[in-house]
Amino acid sequence: MKQEKSQPRIHKSICNECRGNGFIRFRQTIIQLWNWSLGYSRVRSCKMCDSQGEITYDESKVVPFNNHRDNACPHN
């Protein structure tokens, strides 16, 4: 029986920078006096996910969690 090399699994996660929206909105303040401020909102594309909202990576780049019974963990 010939073993075929399986393709790496693709994982997706929601981008933490834009929270899955693909764009980041931030407020630009011009003048602020006590609780009153004058400003405007700016929108820019998310550079972390290239405005897709999801980050894709293959399984070879995933770092597995250590087993908590490992001797390297000081909290045993």
C-alpha atoms as a PDB file:
ATOM      1  CA  MET A   1       0.000   0.000   0.000  1.00  0.00           C
ATOM      2  CA  LYS A   2       1.451   3.312  -1.056  1.00  0.00           C
ATOM      3  CA  GLN A   3       1.179   6.129   1.439  1.00  0.00           C
ATOM      4  CA  GLU A   4       0.301   9.474  -0.030  1.00  0.00           C
ATOM      5  CA  LYS A   5       1.696  12.588   1.527  1.00  0.00           C
ATOM      6  CA  SER A   6      -1.229  14.435   3.016  1.00  0.00           C
ATOM      7  CA  GLN A   7      -1.595  18.133   2.418  1.00  0.00           C
ATOM      8  CA  PRO A   8      -1.101  20.372   5.447  1.00  0.00           C
ATOM      9  CA  ARG A   9      -4.327  21.387   7.120  1.00  0.00           C
ATOM     10  CA  ILE A  10      -5.271  25.035   6.788  1.00  0.00           C
ATOM     11  CA  HIS A  11      -6.407  26.856   9.936  1.00  0.00           C
ATOM     12  CA  LYS A  12      -8.219  30.189  10.079  1.00  0.00           C
ATOM     13  CA  SER A  13      -8.703  32.602  12.923  1.00  0.00           C
ATOM     14  CA  ILE A  14     -10.330  35.990  13.287  1.00  0.00           C
ATOM     15  CA  CYS A  15      -7.883  38.884  13.157  1.00  0.00           C
ATOM     16  CA  ASN A  16      -7.301  40.437  16.577  1.00  0.00           C
ATOM     17  CA  GLU A  17      -6.344  43.820  15.152  1.00  0.00           C
ATOM     18  CA  CYS A  18      -9.575  44.556  13.235  1.00  0.00           C
ATOM     19  CA  ARG A  19     -11.802  41.953  14.995  1.00  0.00           C
ATOM     20  CA  GLY A  20     -12.797  40.343  11.702  1.00  0.00           C
ATOM     21  CA  ASN A  21     -13.952  43.552  10.024  1.00  0.00           C
ATOM     22  CA  GLY A  22     -10.923  44.095   7.774  1.00  0.00           C
ATOM     23  CA  PHE A  23     -10.761  47.785   8.625  1.00  0.00           C
ATOM     24  CA  ILE A  24      -9.609  49.758  11.648  1.00  0.00           C
ATOM     25  CA  ARG A  25     -11.427  52.903  12.753  1.00  0.00           C
ATOM     26  CA  PHE A  26      -9.705  55.339  15.042  1.00  0.00           C
ATOM     27  CA  ARG A  27     -10.570  58.797  16.278  1.00  0.00           C
ATOM     28  CA  GLN A  28      -8.298  61.719  15.500  1.00  0.00           C
ATOM     29  CA  THR A  29      -8.686  64.467  18.116  1.00  0.00           C
ATOM     30  CA  ILE A  30      -7.938  68.033  17.045  1.00  0.00           C
ATOM     31  CA  ILE A  31      -8.914  70.029  20.135  1.00  0.00           C
ATOM     32  CA  GLN A  32      -9.804  68.741  23.586  1.00  0.00           C
ATOM     33  CA  LEU A  33     -11.117  70.836  26.457  1.00  0.00           C
ATOM     34  CA  TRP A  34     -12.173  68.961  29.590  1.00  0.00           C
ATOM     35  CA  ASN A  35     -14.854  66.455  28.468  1.00  0.00           C
ATOM     36  CA  TRP A  36     -15.493  68.125  25.138  1.00  0.00           C
ATOM     37  CA  SER A  37     -13.402  67.324  22.078  1.00  0.00           C
ATOM     38  CA  LEU A  38     -13.411  68.180  18.402  1.00  0.00           C
ATOM     39  CA  GLY A  39     -12.165  65.550  16.014  1.00  0.00           C
ATOM     40  CA  TYR A  40     -12.980  63.145  13.240  1.00  0.00           C
ATOM     41  CA  SER A  41     -12.885  59.398  12.626  1.00  0.00           C
ATOM     42  CA  ARG A  42     -10.423  57.828  10.236  1.00  0.00           C
ATOM     43  CA  VAL A  43     -10.643  54.394   8.668  1.00  0.00           C
ATOM     44  CA  ARG A  44      -7.671  52.445   7.382  1.00  0.00           C
ATOM     45  CA  SER A  45      -7.148  48.941   6.037  1.00  0.00           C
ATOM     46  CA  CYS A  46      -5.870  46.266   8.379  1.00  0.00           C
ATOM     47  CA  LYS A  47      -2.292  45.349   7.530  1.00  0.00           C
ATOM     48  CA  MET A  48      -2.219  42.213   9.672  1.00  0.00           C
ATOM     49  CA  CYS A  49      -4.867  40.341   7.669  1.00  0.00           C
ATOM     50  CA  ASP A  50      -4.696  42.361   4.402  1.00  0.00           C
ATOM     51  CA  SER A  51      -8.299  43.546   4.931  1.00  0.00           C
ATOM     52  CA  GLN A  52      -9.640  39.962   4.819  1.00  0.00           C
ATOM     53  CA  GLY A  53     -10.732  39.751   8.456  1.00  0.00           C
ATOM     54  CA  GLU A  54      -9.216  36.284   8.821  1.00  0.00           C
ATOM     55  CA  ILE A  55      -5.676  35.071   9.264  1.00  0.00           C
ATOM     56  CA  THR A  56      -4.896  31.777   7.514  1.00  0.00           C
ATOM     57  CA  TYR A  57      -1.963  29.553   8.415  1.00  0.00           C
ATOM     58  CA  ASP A  58      -1.041  25.958   7.845  1.00  0.00           C
ATOM     59  CA  GLU A  59      -0.670  23.316  10.524  1.00  0.00           C
ATOM     60  CA  SER A  60       3.126  23.163  10.260  1.00  0.00           C
ATOM     61  CA  LYS A  61       3.333  26.686  11.735  1.00  0.00           C
ATOM     62  CA  VAL A  62       1.058  25.905  14.700  1.00  0.00           C
ATOM     63  CA  VAL A  63       2.948  25.527  17.965  1.00  0.00           C
ATOM     64  CA  PRO A  64       1.339  22.861  20.176  1.00  0.00           C
ATOM     65  CA  PHE A  65       0.678  23.567  23.824  1.00  0.00           C
ATOM     66  CA  ASN A  66       2.999  21.883  26.286  1.00  0.00           C
ATOM     67  CA  ASN A  67       1.609  19.158  28.447  1.00  0.00           C
ATOM     68  CA  HIS A  68       1.130  20.599  31.949  1.00  0.00           C
ATOM     69  CA  ARG A  69       2.664  17.454  33.439  1.00  0.00           C
ATOM     70  CA  ASP A  70       5.947  18.465  31.824  1.00  0.00           C
ATOM     71  CA  ASN A  71       8.864  19.126  34.199  1.00  0.00           C
ATOM     72  CA  ALA A  72       9.592  22.459  32.527  1.00  0.00           C
ATOM     73  CA  CYS A  73       6.384  23.980  33.912  1.00  0.00           C
ATOM     74  CA  PRO A  74       7.024  25.579  37.342  1.00  0.00           C
ATOM     75  CA  HIS A  75       3.301  25.422  38.288  1.00  0.00           C
ATOM     76  CA  ASN A  76       3.066  21.624  38.717  1.00  0.00           C
END
